[in-house]
N, C-alpha and C. Protein backbone atom coordinates (compact mmCIF):
# COMPACT_ATOMS: atom_id res chain seq x y z
N UNK A 1 126.89 146.95 74.44
CA UNK A 1 126.99 147.86 73.36
C UNK A 1 128.42 147.99 73.18
N UNK A 2 129.21 147.89 72.17
CA UNK A 2 130.59 148.25 72.21
C UNK A 2 130.68 149.76 71.80
N UNK A 3 132.06 150.17 72.32
CA UNK A 3 132.26 151.56 72.00
C UNK A 3 132.31 152.00 70.40
N UNK A 4 132.68 151.10 69.63
CA UNK A 4 132.68 151.35 68.39
C UNK A 4 131.46 151.79 67.70
N UNK A 5 130.38 150.85 68.12
CA UNK A 5 129.00 151.05 67.68
C UNK A 5 128.33 152.29 68.19
N UNK A 6 128.71 152.49 69.43
CA UNK A 6 128.20 153.81 70.08
C UNK A 6 128.53 155.00 69.26
N UNK A 7 129.99 155.02 69.00
CA UNK A 7 130.70 155.91 68.26
C UNK A 7 130.02 156.25 66.77
N UNK A 8 129.58 155.14 66.13
CA UNK A 8 128.86 155.09 64.80
C UNK A 8 127.59 155.94 65.17
N UNK A 9 126.81 155.55 66.16
CA UNK A 9 125.39 156.12 66.28
C UNK A 9 125.59 157.46 66.67
N UNK A 10 126.58 158.00 67.56
CA UNK A 10 126.73 159.33 67.81
C UNK A 10 127.29 160.12 67.09
N UNK A 11 127.64 159.92 65.97
CA UNK A 11 128.34 160.83 64.70
C UNK A 11 127.20 161.86 64.51
N UNK A 12 127.84 163.08 64.55
CA UNK A 12 126.97 164.30 64.33
C UNK A 12 126.38 164.40 63.05
N UNK A 13 126.92 163.81 61.84
CA UNK A 13 126.39 163.74 60.64
C UNK A 13 126.23 165.07 59.95
N UNK A 14 125.81 165.05 58.68
CA UNK A 14 125.79 166.22 57.85
C UNK A 14 124.73 167.25 58.21
N UNK A 15 124.66 168.43 57.89
CA UNK A 15 123.55 169.33 58.16
C UNK A 15 122.34 168.78 57.69
N UNK A 16 122.27 168.21 56.47
CA UNK A 16 120.97 167.45 56.06
C UNK A 16 120.46 166.55 57.06
N UNK A 17 121.47 165.39 57.50
CA UNK A 17 121.02 164.50 58.57
C UNK A 17 120.79 164.98 59.70
N UNK A 18 121.10 165.86 60.24
CA UNK A 18 120.76 166.61 61.40
C UNK A 18 119.53 167.06 61.29
N UNK A 19 118.97 167.55 60.21
CA UNK A 19 117.63 168.10 59.89
C UNK A 19 116.75 167.13 60.01
N UNK A 20 117.01 165.92 59.36
CA UNK A 20 116.17 164.63 59.39
C UNK A 20 115.90 164.35 60.75
N UNK A 21 117.19 164.04 61.39
CA UNK A 21 117.01 163.57 62.86
C UNK A 21 116.26 164.67 63.71
N UNK A 22 116.33 165.84 63.52
CA UNK A 22 115.56 166.78 64.40
C UNK A 22 114.06 166.68 64.17
N UNK A 23 113.72 166.41 62.92
CA UNK A 23 112.28 166.54 62.67
C UNK A 23 111.76 165.14 63.33
N UNK A 24 112.48 163.94 63.06
CA UNK A 24 112.13 162.62 63.69
C UNK A 24 112.01 162.90 65.14
N UNK A 25 113.03 163.40 65.78
CA UNK A 25 112.94 163.57 67.10
C UNK A 25 111.79 164.55 67.72
N UNK A 26 111.59 165.58 67.06
CA UNK A 26 110.36 166.59 67.44
C UNK A 26 109.13 165.57 67.23
N UNK A 27 108.98 164.84 66.44
CA UNK A 27 107.74 164.22 66.07
C UNK A 27 107.29 162.92 67.15
N UNK A 28 108.50 162.34 67.69
CA UNK A 28 108.41 161.02 68.45
C UNK A 28 108.84 161.27 69.75
N UNK A 29 109.55 162.26 70.11
CA UNK A 29 110.14 162.30 71.55
C UNK A 29 109.29 162.03 72.61
N UNK A 30 108.14 162.81 72.77
CA UNK A 30 107.26 162.84 73.90
C UNK A 30 106.63 161.38 73.97
N UNK A 31 106.37 160.77 73.05
CA UNK A 31 105.60 159.55 72.94
C UNK A 31 106.50 158.46 73.65
N UNK A 32 107.73 158.44 73.22
CA UNK A 32 108.71 157.48 73.56
C UNK A 32 109.14 157.90 75.05
N UNK A 33 109.35 159.17 75.17
CA UNK A 33 109.59 159.45 76.78
C UNK A 33 108.39 159.02 77.47
N UNK A 34 107.20 159.03 77.23
CA UNK A 34 106.05 158.45 78.19
C UNK A 34 106.25 157.08 78.50
N UNK A 35 106.76 156.32 77.36
CA UNK A 35 106.80 154.78 77.50
C UNK A 35 108.22 154.46 78.21
N UNK A 36 109.02 155.25 78.17
CA UNK A 36 110.42 154.84 78.85
C UNK A 36 110.59 155.66 80.11
N UNK A 37 109.79 156.43 80.30
CA UNK A 37 109.99 157.26 81.61
C UNK A 37 110.36 156.31 83.11
N UNK A 38 109.66 155.48 83.15
CA UNK A 38 109.84 154.61 84.34
C UNK A 38 110.97 153.50 84.39
N UNK A 39 111.44 153.50 82.97
CA UNK A 39 112.68 152.49 82.97
C UNK A 39 114.09 153.00 82.88
N UNK A 40 113.86 154.48 82.32
CA UNK A 40 115.25 155.17 82.27
C UNK A 40 115.66 155.90 83.56
N UNK A 41 116.40 155.53 84.32
CA UNK A 41 116.82 156.03 85.43
C UNK A 41 117.10 157.63 85.63
N UNK A 42 117.41 158.17 84.46
CA UNK A 42 117.70 159.79 84.76
C UNK A 42 116.89 160.52 83.38
N UNK A 43 115.62 160.07 83.38
CA UNK A 43 114.93 160.67 82.40
C UNK A 43 114.99 162.26 82.50
N UNK A 44 114.97 162.93 83.60
CA UNK A 44 115.03 164.35 83.55
C UNK A 44 116.19 164.88 82.67
N UNK A 45 117.43 164.18 82.76
CA UNK A 45 118.53 164.53 82.09
C UNK A 45 118.48 164.17 80.57
N UNK A 46 117.77 163.16 80.14
CA UNK A 46 117.26 162.92 78.83
C UNK A 46 116.63 163.98 78.23
N UNK A 47 115.56 164.49 78.95
CA UNK A 47 114.64 165.71 78.43
C UNK A 47 115.55 167.05 78.49
N UNK A 48 116.35 167.17 79.48
CA UNK A 48 117.30 168.36 79.39
C UNK A 48 118.14 168.34 78.13
N UNK A 49 118.49 167.02 77.80
CA UNK A 49 119.37 166.98 76.36
C UNK A 49 118.61 167.11 75.19
N UNK A 50 117.25 166.82 75.23
CA UNK A 50 116.36 167.06 74.18
C UNK A 50 116.20 168.68 74.04
N UNK A 51 116.23 169.41 75.18
CA UNK A 51 115.96 170.81 75.02
C UNK A 51 117.37 171.37 74.46
N UNK A 52 118.50 171.12 74.91
CA UNK A 52 119.75 171.42 74.53
C UNK A 52 119.93 171.19 73.01
N UNK A 53 119.51 169.99 72.48
CA UNK A 53 119.62 169.70 71.00
C UNK A 53 118.74 170.42 70.26
N UNK A 54 117.60 171.01 70.75
CA UNK A 54 116.94 171.83 70.04
C UNK A 54 116.99 173.40 70.19
N UNK A 55 118.03 173.60 70.96
CA UNK A 55 118.46 175.12 71.34
C UNK A 55 119.46 175.59 70.26
N UNK A 56 119.01 176.62 69.41
CA UNK A 56 119.78 177.22 68.51
C UNK A 56 121.07 177.67 68.89
N UNK A 57 121.30 178.01 70.12
CA UNK A 57 122.47 178.39 71.03
C UNK A 57 123.58 177.40 71.27
N UNK A 58 123.01 176.28 71.10
CA UNK A 58 124.00 174.89 71.24
C UNK A 58 124.86 174.91 70.17
N UNK A 59 126.09 174.51 70.43
CA UNK A 59 127.06 174.33 69.11
C UNK A 59 126.46 173.29 68.40
N UNK A 60 126.94 173.36 67.01
CA UNK A 60 126.35 172.32 65.95
C UNK A 60 126.84 170.89 66.28
N UNK A 61 128.15 170.67 66.67
CA UNK A 61 128.44 169.46 66.90
C UNK A 61 127.72 168.85 68.08
N UNK A 62 127.74 169.52 69.05
CA UNK A 62 126.88 169.01 70.32
C UNK A 62 125.37 168.83 70.02
N UNK A 63 124.81 169.63 69.07
CA UNK A 63 123.26 169.37 68.58
C UNK A 63 123.31 168.01 67.93
N UNK A 64 124.39 167.94 66.99
CA UNK A 64 124.38 166.55 66.12
C UNK A 64 124.56 165.41 67.14
N UNK A 65 125.18 165.45 67.93
CA UNK A 65 125.68 164.18 68.72
C UNK A 65 124.25 163.90 69.52
N UNK A 66 123.56 165.07 70.18
CA UNK A 66 122.60 164.71 70.99
C UNK A 66 121.25 164.26 70.00
N UNK A 67 121.04 165.10 68.81
CA UNK A 67 119.96 164.54 68.00
C UNK A 67 120.36 163.03 67.66
N UNK A 68 121.58 162.72 67.38
CA UNK A 68 121.95 161.40 66.90
C UNK A 68 121.37 160.47 68.15
N UNK A 69 121.88 160.61 69.22
CA UNK A 69 121.37 159.79 70.21
C UNK A 69 119.87 159.76 70.73
N UNK A 70 119.25 160.99 70.42
CA UNK A 70 117.87 160.98 70.78
C UNK A 70 117.02 160.40 69.39
N UNK A 71 117.49 160.32 68.48
CA UNK A 71 116.93 159.82 67.15
C UNK A 71 117.12 158.40 67.51
N UNK A 72 118.21 157.67 67.89
CA UNK A 72 118.42 156.30 68.38
C UNK A 72 117.48 155.84 69.24
N UNK A 73 117.01 156.83 70.21
CA UNK A 73 116.08 156.44 71.43
C UNK A 73 114.94 156.37 71.06
N UNK A 74 114.41 157.02 69.92
CA UNK A 74 113.04 156.97 69.43
C UNK A 74 112.73 156.09 68.48
N UNK A 75 113.76 155.60 67.84
CA UNK A 75 113.52 154.35 67.08
C UNK A 75 112.81 153.27 67.61
N UNK A 76 111.77 152.57 66.96
CA UNK A 76 111.04 151.53 67.65
C UNK A 76 111.95 150.25 67.43
N UNK A 77 112.73 150.26 66.35
CA UNK A 77 113.28 148.93 66.22
C UNK A 77 114.85 149.25 66.19
N UNK A 78 115.70 148.67 67.15
CA UNK A 78 117.21 148.86 67.22
C UNK A 78 117.72 147.75 67.81
N UNK A 79 118.99 147.75 68.20
CA UNK A 79 119.63 146.59 68.39
C UNK A 79 118.77 145.70 69.61
N UNK A 80 118.41 146.20 70.56
CA UNK A 80 117.45 145.52 71.42
C UNK A 80 116.18 146.05 71.30
N UNK A 81 114.88 145.68 70.47
CA UNK A 81 113.70 146.40 70.45
C UNK A 81 113.21 146.82 71.96
N UNK A 82 112.66 147.97 71.89
CA UNK A 82 111.99 148.52 73.19
C UNK A 82 110.96 148.09 73.70
N UNK A 83 110.31 147.14 72.86
CA UNK A 83 109.13 146.43 73.58
C UNK A 83 109.36 145.26 74.43
N UNK A 84 110.67 144.80 74.38
CA UNK A 84 111.41 143.80 75.38
C UNK A 84 111.38 144.34 76.80
N UNK A 85 110.43 144.36 77.65
CA UNK A 85 110.38 144.91 78.93
C UNK A 85 111.71 144.60 79.60
N UNK A 86 111.99 145.70 80.53
CA UNK A 86 113.13 145.65 81.32
C UNK A 86 114.50 145.53 80.74
N UNK A 87 114.74 145.19 79.54
CA UNK A 87 115.97 145.39 78.89
C UNK A 87 115.81 146.16 77.51
N UNK A 88 114.67 146.39 77.08
CA UNK A 88 114.66 147.09 75.85
C UNK A 88 115.11 148.23 75.50
N UNK A 89 115.08 149.19 76.78
CA UNK A 89 115.76 150.39 76.62
C UNK A 89 117.09 150.52 77.00
N UNK A 90 117.69 149.26 77.30
CA UNK A 90 119.10 149.23 77.82
C UNK A 90 120.21 149.82 76.81
N UNK A 91 119.93 149.39 75.52
CA UNK A 91 120.92 150.00 74.64
C UNK A 91 120.80 151.37 74.43
N UNK A 92 119.63 151.83 74.61
CA UNK A 92 119.25 153.18 74.39
C UNK A 92 119.75 154.20 75.42
N UNK A 93 119.75 153.45 76.64
CA UNK A 93 120.35 154.14 77.79
C UNK A 93 121.91 154.23 77.56
N UNK A 94 122.52 153.36 77.13
CA UNK A 94 123.91 153.30 76.95
C UNK A 94 124.39 154.46 75.94
N UNK A 95 123.66 154.51 74.80
CA UNK A 95 123.95 155.42 73.91
C UNK A 95 123.49 156.96 74.45
N UNK A 96 122.49 156.86 75.06
CA UNK A 96 122.13 158.31 75.59
C UNK A 96 123.17 158.74 76.75
N UNK A 97 123.77 157.65 77.55
CA UNK A 97 124.64 158.23 78.48
C UNK A 97 126.05 158.59 78.05
N UNK A 98 126.29 157.79 76.84
CA UNK A 98 127.57 158.14 76.11
C UNK A 98 127.46 159.70 75.49
N UNK A 99 126.35 159.99 74.98
CA UNK A 99 126.19 161.25 74.28
C UNK A 99 126.00 162.48 75.33
N UNK A 100 125.34 162.13 76.42
CA UNK A 100 125.30 163.21 77.44
C UNK A 100 126.50 163.45 78.33
N UNK A 101 127.25 162.23 78.40
CA UNK A 101 128.63 162.46 78.93
C UNK A 101 129.52 163.41 78.21
N UNK A 102 129.49 163.06 76.89
CA UNK A 102 130.33 163.95 75.92
C UNK A 102 130.09 165.39 75.79
N UNK A 103 128.79 165.68 76.09
CA UNK A 103 128.64 166.98 75.87
C UNK A 103 127.92 167.78 77.23
N UNK A 104 128.37 166.96 78.29
CA UNK A 104 127.46 167.40 79.59
C UNK A 104 127.69 168.99 79.79
N UNK A 105 128.76 169.62 79.42
CA UNK A 105 128.82 170.99 79.72
C UNK A 105 128.11 172.06 78.87
N UNK A 106 127.28 171.43 77.85
CA UNK A 106 126.64 172.25 76.89
C UNK A 106 125.10 172.10 77.55
N UNK A 107 124.90 171.14 78.51
CA UNK A 107 123.49 171.21 78.88
C UNK A 107 123.40 172.13 79.92
N UNK A 108 122.60 173.28 79.98
CA UNK A 108 122.35 174.36 80.80
C UNK A 108 121.51 174.19 81.94
N UNK A 109 121.28 174.96 82.81
CA UNK A 109 120.52 174.82 83.95
C UNK A 109 119.11 175.33 83.33
N UNK A 110 119.10 176.21 82.27
CA UNK A 110 118.01 176.41 81.54
C UNK A 110 117.45 175.30 80.87
N UNK A 111 118.18 174.29 80.32
CA UNK A 111 117.64 173.37 79.78
C UNK A 111 117.12 172.20 80.72
N UNK A 112 117.57 172.23 81.86
CA UNK A 112 117.35 171.28 82.92
C UNK A 112 115.86 171.89 83.72
N UNK A 113 115.84 173.11 83.71
CA UNK A 113 114.57 173.72 84.11
C UNK A 113 113.39 173.48 83.28
N UNK A 114 113.69 173.65 81.86
CA UNK A 114 112.62 173.36 80.91
C UNK A 114 112.31 171.81 80.94
N UNK A 115 113.32 171.11 81.17
CA UNK A 115 112.96 169.44 81.32
C UNK A 115 111.94 169.25 82.28
N UNK A 116 112.22 169.85 83.85
CA UNK A 116 111.34 169.74 84.77
C UNK A 116 110.05 170.13 84.58
N UNK A 117 109.97 171.31 83.83
CA UNK A 117 108.53 171.81 83.61
C UNK A 117 107.76 171.07 82.49
N UNK A 118 108.46 170.51 81.42
CA UNK A 118 107.90 169.66 80.38
C UNK A 118 107.63 168.38 80.94
N UNK A 119 108.35 167.83 81.97
CA UNK A 119 108.02 166.50 82.49
C UNK A 119 106.50 166.57 83.30
N UNK A 120 106.51 167.76 84.04
CA UNK A 120 105.30 168.06 84.78
C UNK A 120 104.30 168.31 83.73
N UNK A 121 104.50 169.08 82.84
CA UNK A 121 103.23 169.50 81.74
C UNK A 121 102.77 168.17 80.99
N UNK A 122 103.79 167.13 80.76
CA UNK A 122 103.48 165.94 80.01
C UNK A 122 102.94 164.83 81.01
N UNK A 123 102.99 165.24 82.25
CA UNK A 123 102.66 164.32 83.43
C UNK A 123 103.12 162.78 83.14
N UNK A 124 104.43 163.17 83.06
CA UNK A 124 105.53 161.99 83.15
C UNK A 124 106.08 161.82 84.49
N UNK A 125 106.16 160.56 85.08
CA UNK A 125 106.65 160.26 86.29
C UNK A 125 107.90 159.50 85.97
N UNK A 126 109.04 159.94 86.71
CA UNK A 126 110.34 159.23 86.50
C UNK A 126 110.56 158.53 87.68
N UNK A 127 111.64 157.70 87.57
CA UNK A 127 112.27 157.12 88.96
C UNK A 127 112.56 157.96 89.96
N UNK A 128 113.01 159.25 89.55
CA UNK A 128 113.43 160.30 90.50
C UNK A 128 112.25 160.52 91.49
N UNK A 129 110.90 160.59 90.71
CA UNK A 129 109.78 160.99 91.50
C UNK A 129 109.48 160.00 92.87
N UNK A 130 109.95 159.02 92.44
CA UNK A 130 109.80 157.80 93.64
C UNK A 130 110.49 158.19 94.78
N UNK A 131 111.54 159.22 94.89
CA UNK A 131 112.42 159.61 95.95
C UNK A 131 111.81 160.59 96.71
N UNK A 132 110.82 161.48 96.04
CA UNK A 132 110.36 162.46 96.60
C UNK A 132 109.28 162.28 97.77
N UNK A 133 109.34 162.97 98.90
CA UNK A 133 108.36 162.62 99.96
C UNK A 133 106.82 162.90 99.44
N UNK A 134 105.97 162.08 99.70
CA UNK A 134 104.62 162.24 99.41
C UNK A 134 103.95 163.04 100.64
N UNK A 135 102.97 163.76 100.35
CA UNK A 135 102.14 164.48 101.52
C UNK A 135 100.82 164.13 101.31
N UNK A 136 100.24 163.73 102.32
CA UNK A 136 98.96 163.20 102.59
C UNK A 136 98.05 164.38 102.93
N UNK A 137 96.98 164.77 102.32
CA UNK A 137 96.25 165.81 102.70
C UNK A 137 94.88 165.28 103.47
């Protein structure tokens, strides 16, 4: 995915557009996160970005950028449809990586802590979970 296309996707947009994106993201994020969790290598950071985007203390432009990337992530049809296993979330990952890199300083430890708790609450396993030692009882 080229930089020009990513730049278009990540435009914060008007306040009205941000409101529409936020509504869509709130409605569909967790269902998409469950489907994508094992294929997105840094799902915990994506969920932290979700919490950052919904945090009213986050600067408007940062919220807009993250909402744009998250809205693209939850769309069922995009440049590479998500149902195409192994590569379907590839374009989503590129957009999310660009957005998170652009606003990394606004994603706080509190957002990351909320992400860890939410992933556990939603019973979502991520690739990072594979690295954790298991305890046999």
